[in-house]
Amino acid sequence: HTEEILDKTGRQITEKARKEIIDAVIMPVI
């Protein structure tokens, strides 16, 4: 991913991005 979804620490993605990946990638498949 690009840096735009990193949180303020710059060490991990935001909770918002995590939820978006679950909703857009996992839920339509499983």
All heavy atoms as atom14 arrays in JSON, in Angstrom:
{
  "sequence": "HTEEILDKTGRQITEKARKEIIDAVIMPVI",
  "atom14_mask": [
    [1, 1, 1, 1, 1, 1, 1, 1, 1, 1, 0, 0, 0, 0],
    [1, 1, 1, 1, 1, 1, 1, 0, 0, 0, 0, 0, 0, 0],
    [1, 1, 1, 1, 1, 1, 1, 1, 1, 0, 0, 0, 0, 0],
    [1, 1, 1, 1, 1, 1, 1, 1, 1, 0, 0, 0, 0, 0],
    [1, 1, 1, 1, 1, 1, 1, 1, 0, 0, 0, 0, 0, 0],
    [1, 1, 1, 1, 1, 1, 1, 1, 0, 0, 0, 0, 0, 0],
    [1, 1, 1, 1, 1, 1, 1, 1, 0, 0, 0, 0, 0, 0],
    [1, 1, 1, 1, 1, 1, 1, 1, 1, 0, 0, 0, 0, 0],
    [1, 1, 1, 1, 1, 1, 1, 0, 0, 0, 0, 0, 0, 0],
    [1, 1, 1, 1, 0, 0, 0, 0, 0, 0, 0, 0, 0, 0],
    [1, 1, 1, 1, 1, 1, 1, 1, 1, 1, 1, 0, 0, 0],
    [1, 1, 1, 1, 1, 1, 1, 1, 1, 0, 0, 0, 0, 0],
    [1, 1, 1, 1, 1, 1, 1, 1, 0, 0, 0, 0, 0, 0],
    [1, 1, 1, 1, 1, 1, 1, 0, 0, 0, 0, 0, 0, 0],
    [1, 1, 1, 1, 1, 1, 1, 1, 1, 0, 0, 0, 0, 0],
    [1, 1, 1, 1, 1, 1, 1, 1, 1, 0, 0, 0, 0, 0],
    [1, 1, 1, 1, 1, 0, 0, 0, 0, 0, 0, 0, 0, 0],
    [1, 1, 1, 1, 1, 1, 1, 1, 1, 1, 1, 0, 0, 0],
    [1, 1, 1, 1, 1, 1, 1, 1, 1, 0, 0, 0, 0, 0],
    [1, 1, 1, 1, 1, 1, 1, 1, 1, 0, 0, 0, 0, 0],
    [1, 1, 1, 1, 1, 1, 1, 1, 0, 0, 0, 0, 0, 0],
    [1, 1, 1, 1, 1, 1, 1, 1, 0, 0, 0, 0, 0, 0],
    [1, 1, 1, 1, 1, 1, 1, 1, 0, 0, 0, 0, 0, 0],
    [1, 1, 1, 1, 1, 0, 0, 0, 0, 0, 0, 0, 0, 0],
    [1, 1, 1, 1, 1, 1, 1, 0, 0, 0, 0, 0, 0, 0],
    [1, 1, 1, 1, 1, 1, 1, 1, 0, 0, 0, 0, 0, 0],
    [1, 1, 1, 1, 1, 1, 1, 1, 0, 0, 0, 0, 0, 0],
    [1, 1, 1, 1, 1, 1, 1, 0, 0, 0, 0, 0, 0, 0],
    [1, 1, 1, 1, 1, 1, 1, 0, 0, 0, 0, 0, 0, 0],
    [1, 1, 1, 1, 1, 1, 1, 1, 0, 0, 0, 0, 0, 0]
  ],
  "atom14_positions": [
    [[0.84, -1.2, 0.0], [0.0, 0.0, 0.0], [0.88, 1.25, 0.0], [2.09, 1.2, 0.29], [-0.91, 0.0, 1.24], [-0.16, -0.04, 2.54], [0.35, 1.09, 3.15], [0.19, -1.07, 3.34], [0.97, 0.75, 4.26], [0.89, -0.56, 4.4], [0.0, 0.0, 0.0], [0.0, 0.0, 0.0], [0.0, 0.0, 0.0], [0.0, 0.0, 0.0]],
    [[0.27, 2.36, -0.31], [0.97, 3.64, -0.25], [0.96, 4.16, 1.19], [0.26, 3.64, 2.05], [0.3, 4.66, -1.18], [-1.07, 4.81, -0.79], [0.36, 4.2, -2.63], [0.0, 0.0, 0.0], [0.0, 0.0, 0.0], [0.0, 0.0, 0.0], [0.0, 0.0, 0.0], [0.0, 0.0, 0.0], [0.0, 0.0, 0.0], [0.0, 0.0, 0.0]],
    [[1.72, 5.22, 1.42], [1.86, 5.75, 2.78], [0.62, 6.48, 3.27], [0.51, 6.77, 4.46], [3.07, 6.68, 2.84], [4.41, 5.95, 2.65], [5.59, 6.88, 2.8], [5.39, 8.12, 2.75], [6.72, 6.38, 2.98], [0.0, 0.0, 0.0], [0.0, 0.0, 0.0], [0.0, 0.0, 0.0], [0.0, 0.0, 0.0], [0.0, 0.0, 0.0]],
    [[-0.33, 6.75, 2.39], [-1.49, 7.56, 2.77], [-2.38, 6.9, 3.82], [-3.16, 7.59, 4.48], [-2.31, 7.91, 1.53], [-2.98, 6.71, 0.88], [-3.63, 7.07, -0.44], [-2.95, 6.98, -1.49], [-4.82, 7.44, -0.43], [0.0, 0.0, 0.0], [0.0, 0.0, 0.0], [0.0, 0.0, 0.0], [0.0, 0.0, 0.0], [0.0, 0.0, 0.0]],
    [[-2.28, 5.58, 3.99], [-3.15, 4.92, 4.98], [-2.4, 4.59, 6.28], [-2.92, 3.85, 7.12], [-3.81, 3.65, 4.41], [-2.76, 2.61, 4.0], [-4.72, 4.0, 3.24], [-3.35, 1.23, 3.72], [0.0, 0.0, 0.0], [0.0, 0.0, 0.0], [0.0, 0.0, 0.0], [0.0, 0.0, 0.0], [0.0, 0.0, 0.0], [0.0, 0.0, 0.0]],
    [[-1.21, 5.14, 6.45], [-0.49, 4.94, 7.71], [-1.06, 5.85, 8.79], [-1.53, 6.96, 8.52], [1.0, 5.23, 7.53], [1.78, 4.27, 6.61], [3.22, 4.74, 6.47], [1.72, 2.85, 7.13], [0.0, 0.0, 0.0], [0.0, 0.0, 0.0], [0.0, 0.0, 0.0], [0.0, 0.0, 0.0], [0.0, 0.0, 0.0], [0.0, 0.0, 0.0]],
    [[-1.01, 5.38, 10.05], [-1.47, 6.22, 11.15], [-0.4, 7.24, 11.54], [0.64, 7.36, 10.87], [-1.89, 5.36, 12.36], [-0.72, 4.63, 13.0], [0.45, 4.89, 12.63], [-0.97, 3.78, 13.87], [0.0, 0.0, 0.0], [0.0, 0.0, 0.0], [0.0, 0.0, 0.0], [0.0, 0.0, 0.0], [0.0, 0.0, 0.0], [0.0, 0.0, 0.0]],
    [[-0.62, 7.98, 12.59], [0.29, 9.05, 12.98], [1.69, 8.57, 13.34], [2.67, 9.3, 13.22], [-0.31, 9.83, 14.16], [-1.57, 10.62, 13.79], [-2.12, 11.36, 15.0], [-3.38, 12.13, 14.64], [-3.96, 12.85, 15.82], [0.0, 0.0, 0.0], [0.0, 0.0, 0.0], [0.0, 0.0, 0.0], [0.0, 0.0, 0.0], [0.0, 0.0, 0.0]],
    [[1.79, 7.32, 13.78], [3.1, 6.78, 14.14], [3.92, 6.43, 12.9], [5.16, 6.32, 12.98], [2.97, 5.51, 15.0], [2.45, 4.43, 14.2], [2.05, 5.74, 16.18], [0.0, 0.0, 0.0], [0.0, 0.0, 0.0], [0.0, 0.0, 0.0], [0.0, 0.0, 0.0], [0.0, 0.0, 0.0], [0.0, 0.0, 0.0], [0.0, 0.0, 0.0]],
    [[3.26, 6.22, 11.77], [3.94, 5.81, 10.56], [4.38, 4.36, 10.56], [5.09, 3.91, 9.66], [0.0, 0.0, 0.0], [0.0, 0.0, 0.0], [0.0, 0.0, 0.0], [0.0, 0.0, 0.0], [0.0, 0.0, 0.0], [0.0, 0.0, 0.0], [0.0, 0.0, 0.0], [0.0, 0.0, 0.0], [0.0, 0.0, 0.0], [0.0, 0.0, 0.0]],
    [[3.94, 3.61, 11.55], [4.39, 2.23, 11.71], [3.31, 1.2, 11.36], [3.61, 0.02, 11.26], [4.88, 2.0, 13.15], [6.11, 2.81, 13.51], [6.52, 2.58, 14.96], [6.81, 1.18, 15.22], [7.99, 0.61, 14.99], [8.98, 1.32, 14.48], [8.18, -0.68, 15.27], [0.0, 0.0, 0.0], [0.0, 0.0, 0.0], [0.0, 0.0, 0.0]],
    [[2.07, 1.65, 11.24], [1.02, 0.71, 10.9], [-0.13, 1.42, 10.19], [-0.25, 2.65, 10.24], [0.5, 0.01, 12.15], [-0.09, 0.93, 13.2], [-0.48, 0.18, 14.46], [0.02, -0.91, 14.74], [-1.38, 0.77, 15.24], [0.0, 0.0, 0.0], [0.0, 0.0, 0.0], [0.0, 0.0, 0.0], [0.0, 0.0, 0.0], [0.0, 0.0, 0.0]],
    [[-0.97, 0.61, 9.51], [-2.1, 1.19, 8.81], [-3.18, 1.58, 9.81], [-3.23, 1.07, 10.93], [-2.67, 0.22, 7.75], [-3.22, -1.06, 8.4], [-1.62, -0.13, 6.71], [-3.96, -1.98, 7.43], [0.0, 0.0, 0.0], [0.0, 0.0, 0.0], [0.0, 0.0, 0.0], [0.0, 0.0, 0.0], [0.0, 0.0, 0.0], [0.0, 0.0, 0.0]],
    [[-4.05, 2.48, 9.38], [-5.11, 2.94, 10.27], [-6.18, 1.86, 10.46], [-6.31, 0.94, 9.64], [-5.79, 4.2, 9.7], [-6.42, 3.85, 8.45], [-4.78, 5.31, 9.48], [0.0, 0.0, 0.0], [0.0, 0.0, 0.0], [0.0, 0.0, 0.0], [0.0, 0.0, 0.0], [0.0, 0.0, 0.0], [0.0, 0.0, 0.0], [0.0, 0.0, 0.0]],
    [[-6.94, 1.99, 11.51], [-8.05, 1.07, 11.75], [-9.09, 1.2, 10.64], [-9.73, 0.22, 10.26], [-8.68, 1.35, 13.12], [-9.79, 0.4, 13.51], [-9.34, -1.06, 13.57], [-8.16, -1.32, 13.87], [-10.18, -1.94, 13.26], [0.0, 0.0, 0.0], [0.0, 0.0, 0.0], [0.0, 0.0, 0.0], [0.0, 0.0, 0.0], [0.0, 0.0, 0.0]],
    [[-9.25, 2.41, 10.11], [-10.19, 2.64, 9.01], [-9.78, 1.82, 7.79], [-10.62, 1.17, 7.15], [-10.23, 4.13, 8.67], [-11.12, 4.48, 7.47], [-11.15, 5.99, 7.27], [-12.01, 6.38, 6.07], [-11.41, 5.98, 4.78], [0.0, 0.0, 0.0], [0.0, 0.0, 0.0], [0.0, 0.0, 0.0], [0.0, 0.0, 0.0], [0.0, 0.0, 0.0]],
    [[-8.49, 1.86, 7.45], [-8.01, 1.1, 6.3], [-8.16, -0.4, 6.54], [-8.54, -1.16, 5.63], [-6.55, 1.44, 6.01], [0.0, 0.0, 0.0], [0.0, 0.0, 0.0], [0.0, 0.0, 0.0], [0.0, 0.0, 0.0], [0.0, 0.0, 0.0], [0.0, 0.0, 0.0], [0.0, 0.0, 0.0], [0.0, 0.0, 0.0], [0.0, 0.0, 0.0]],
    [[-7.87, -0.83, 7.75], [-8.03, -2.25, 8.09], [-9.46, -2.7, 7.87], [-9.71, -3.76, 7.27], [-7.6, -2.5, 9.53], [-7.73, -3.94, 9.99], [-7.33, -4.09, 11.46], [-7.43, -5.48, 11.89], [-8.55, -6.06, 12.3], [-9.68, -5.37, 12.34], [-8.55, -7.34, 12.66], [0.0, 0.0, 0.0], [0.0, 0.0, 0.0], [0.0, 0.0, 0.0]],
    [[-10.42, -1.9, 8.34], [-11.83, -2.25, 8.17], [-12.23, -2.22, 6.69], [-13.01, -3.07, 6.24], [-12.7, -1.28, 8.96], [-14.18, -1.65, 8.98], [-14.99, -0.71, 9.84], [-16.44, -1.16, 9.95], [-17.1, -1.32, 8.64], [0.0, 0.0, 0.0], [0.0, 0.0, 0.0], [0.0, 0.0, 0.0], [0.0, 0.0, 0.0], [0.0, 0.0, 0.0]],
    [[-11.69, -1.27, 5.93], [-12.0, -1.21, 4.5], [-11.52, -2.46, 3.78], [-12.22, -2.99, 2.9], [-11.36, 0.03, 3.88], [-12.05, 1.33, 4.26], [-11.33, 2.55, 3.72], [-10.14, 2.42, 3.31], [-11.93, 3.64, 3.71], [0.0, 0.0, 0.0], [0.0, 0.0, 0.0], [0.0, 0.0, 0.0], [0.0, 0.0, 0.0], [0.0, 0.0, 0.0]],
    [[-10.35, -2.95, 4.13], [-9.82, -4.17, 3.5], [-10.68, -5.37, 3.86], [-10.99, -6.2, 3.0], [-8.34, -4.37, 3.89], [-7.48, -3.26, 3.27], [-7.84, -5.74, 3.45], [-6.05, -3.22, 3.77], [0.0, 0.0, 0.0], [0.0, 0.0, 0.0], [0.0, 0.0, 0.0], [0.0, 0.0, 0.0], [0.0, 0.0, 0.0], [0.0, 0.0, 0.0]],
    [[-11.08, -5.47, 5.12], [-11.96, -6.58, 5.52], [-13.28, -6.52, 4.75], [-13.75, -7.51, 4.19], [-12.21, -6.54, 7.04], [-10.92, -6.9, 7.79], [-13.33, -7.52, 7.43], [-11.04, -6.74, 9.3], [0.0, 0.0, 0.0], [0.0, 0.0, 0.0], [0.0, 0.0, 0.0], [0.0, 0.0, 0.0], [0.0, 0.0, 0.0], [0.0, 0.0, 0.0]],
    [[-13.88, -5.33, 4.69], [-15.19, -5.19, 4.06], [-15.13, -5.36, 2.54], [-16.05, -5.95, 1.94], [-15.78, -3.81, 4.39], [-16.19, -3.69, 5.86], [-16.32, -4.74, 6.52], [-16.37, -2.56, 6.33], [0.0, 0.0, 0.0], [0.0, 0.0, 0.0], [0.0, 0.0, 0.0], [0.0, 0.0, 0.0], [0.0, 0.0, 0.0], [0.0, 0.0, 0.0]],
    [[-14.06, -4.85, 1.91], [-14.0, -4.85, 0.44], [-13.35, -6.11, -0.13], [-13.66, -6.5, -1.26], [-13.22, -3.63, -0.06], [0.0, 0.0, 0.0], [0.0, 0.0, 0.0], [0.0, 0.0, 0.0], [0.0, 0.0, 0.0], [0.0, 0.0, 0.0], [0.0, 0.0, 0.0], [0.0, 0.0, 0.0], [0.0, 0.0, 0.0], [0.0, 0.0, 0.0]],
    [[-12.49, -6.75, 0.64], [-11.75, -7.91, 0.13], [-12.29, -9.21, 0.7], [-12.61, -10.15, -0.05], [-10.24, -7.78, 0.44], [-9.49, -9.03, -0.01], [-9.66, -6.54, -0.22], [0.0, 0.0, 0.0], [0.0, 0.0, 0.0], [0.0, 0.0, 0.0], [0.0, 0.0, 0.0], [0.0, 0.0, 0.0], [0.0, 0.0, 0.0], [0.0, 0.0, 0.0]],
    [[-12.43, -9.3, 2.01], [-12.76, -10.58, 2.65], [-14.25, -10.9, 2.56], [-14.63, -12.0, 2.15], [-12.28, -10.58, 4.12], [-10.75, -10.49, 4.17], [-12.78, -11.82, 4.84], [-10.2, -10.39, 5.58], [0.0, 0.0, 0.0], [0.0, 0.0, 0.0], [0.0, 0.0, 0.0], [0.0, 0.0, 0.0], [0.0, 0.0, 0.0], [0.0, 0.0, 0.0]],
    [[-15.09, -9.97, 2.94], [-16.52, -10.26, 3.06], [-17.2, -10.64, 1.74], [-18.1, -11.48, 1.74], [-17.24, -9.1, 3.74], [-16.88, -8.94, 5.2], [-17.03, -10.52, 6.09], [-16.35, -10.09, 7.69], [0.0, 0.0, 0.0], [0.0, 0.0, 0.0], [0.0, 0.0, 0.0], [0.0, 0.0, 0.0], [0.0, 0.0, 0.0], [0.0, 0.0, 0.0]],
    [[-16.8, -10.08, 0.6], [-17.43, -10.53, -0.65], [-17.02, -11.95, -1.07], [-17.67, -12.54, -1.92], [-16.92, -9.5, -1.68], [-16.53, -8.3, -0.89], [-15.98, -8.86, 0.39], [0.0, 0.0, 0.0], [0.0, 0.0, 0.0], [0.0, 0.0, 0.0], [0.0, 0.0, 0.0], [0.0, 0.0, 0.0], [0.0, 0.0, 0.0], [0.0, 0.0, 0.0]],
    [[-15.96, -12.47, -0.47], [-15.43, -13.77, -0.88], [-15.86, -14.9, 0.06], [-16.23, -15.98, -0.38], [-13.88, -13.72, -0.96], [-13.29, -15.11, -1.13], [-13.44, -12.8, -2.09], [0.0, 0.0, 0.0], [0.0, 0.0, 0.0], [0.0, 0.0, 0.0], [0.0, 0.0, 0.0], [0.0, 0.0, 0.0], [0.0, 0.0, 0.0], [0.0, 0.0, 0.0]],
    [[-15.8, -14.64, 1.36], [-16.0, -15.69, 2.35], [-17.48, -15.83, 2.71], [-18.16, -14.83, 2.98], [-15.19, -15.4, 3.63], [-13.71, -15.21, 3.29], [-15.37, -16.52, 4.65], [-13.02, -16.44, 2.75], [0.0, 0.0, 0.0], [0.0, 0.0, 0.0], [0.0, 0.0, 0.0], [0.0, 0.0, 0.0], [0.0, 0.0, 0.0], [0.0, 0.0, 0.0]]
  ]
}
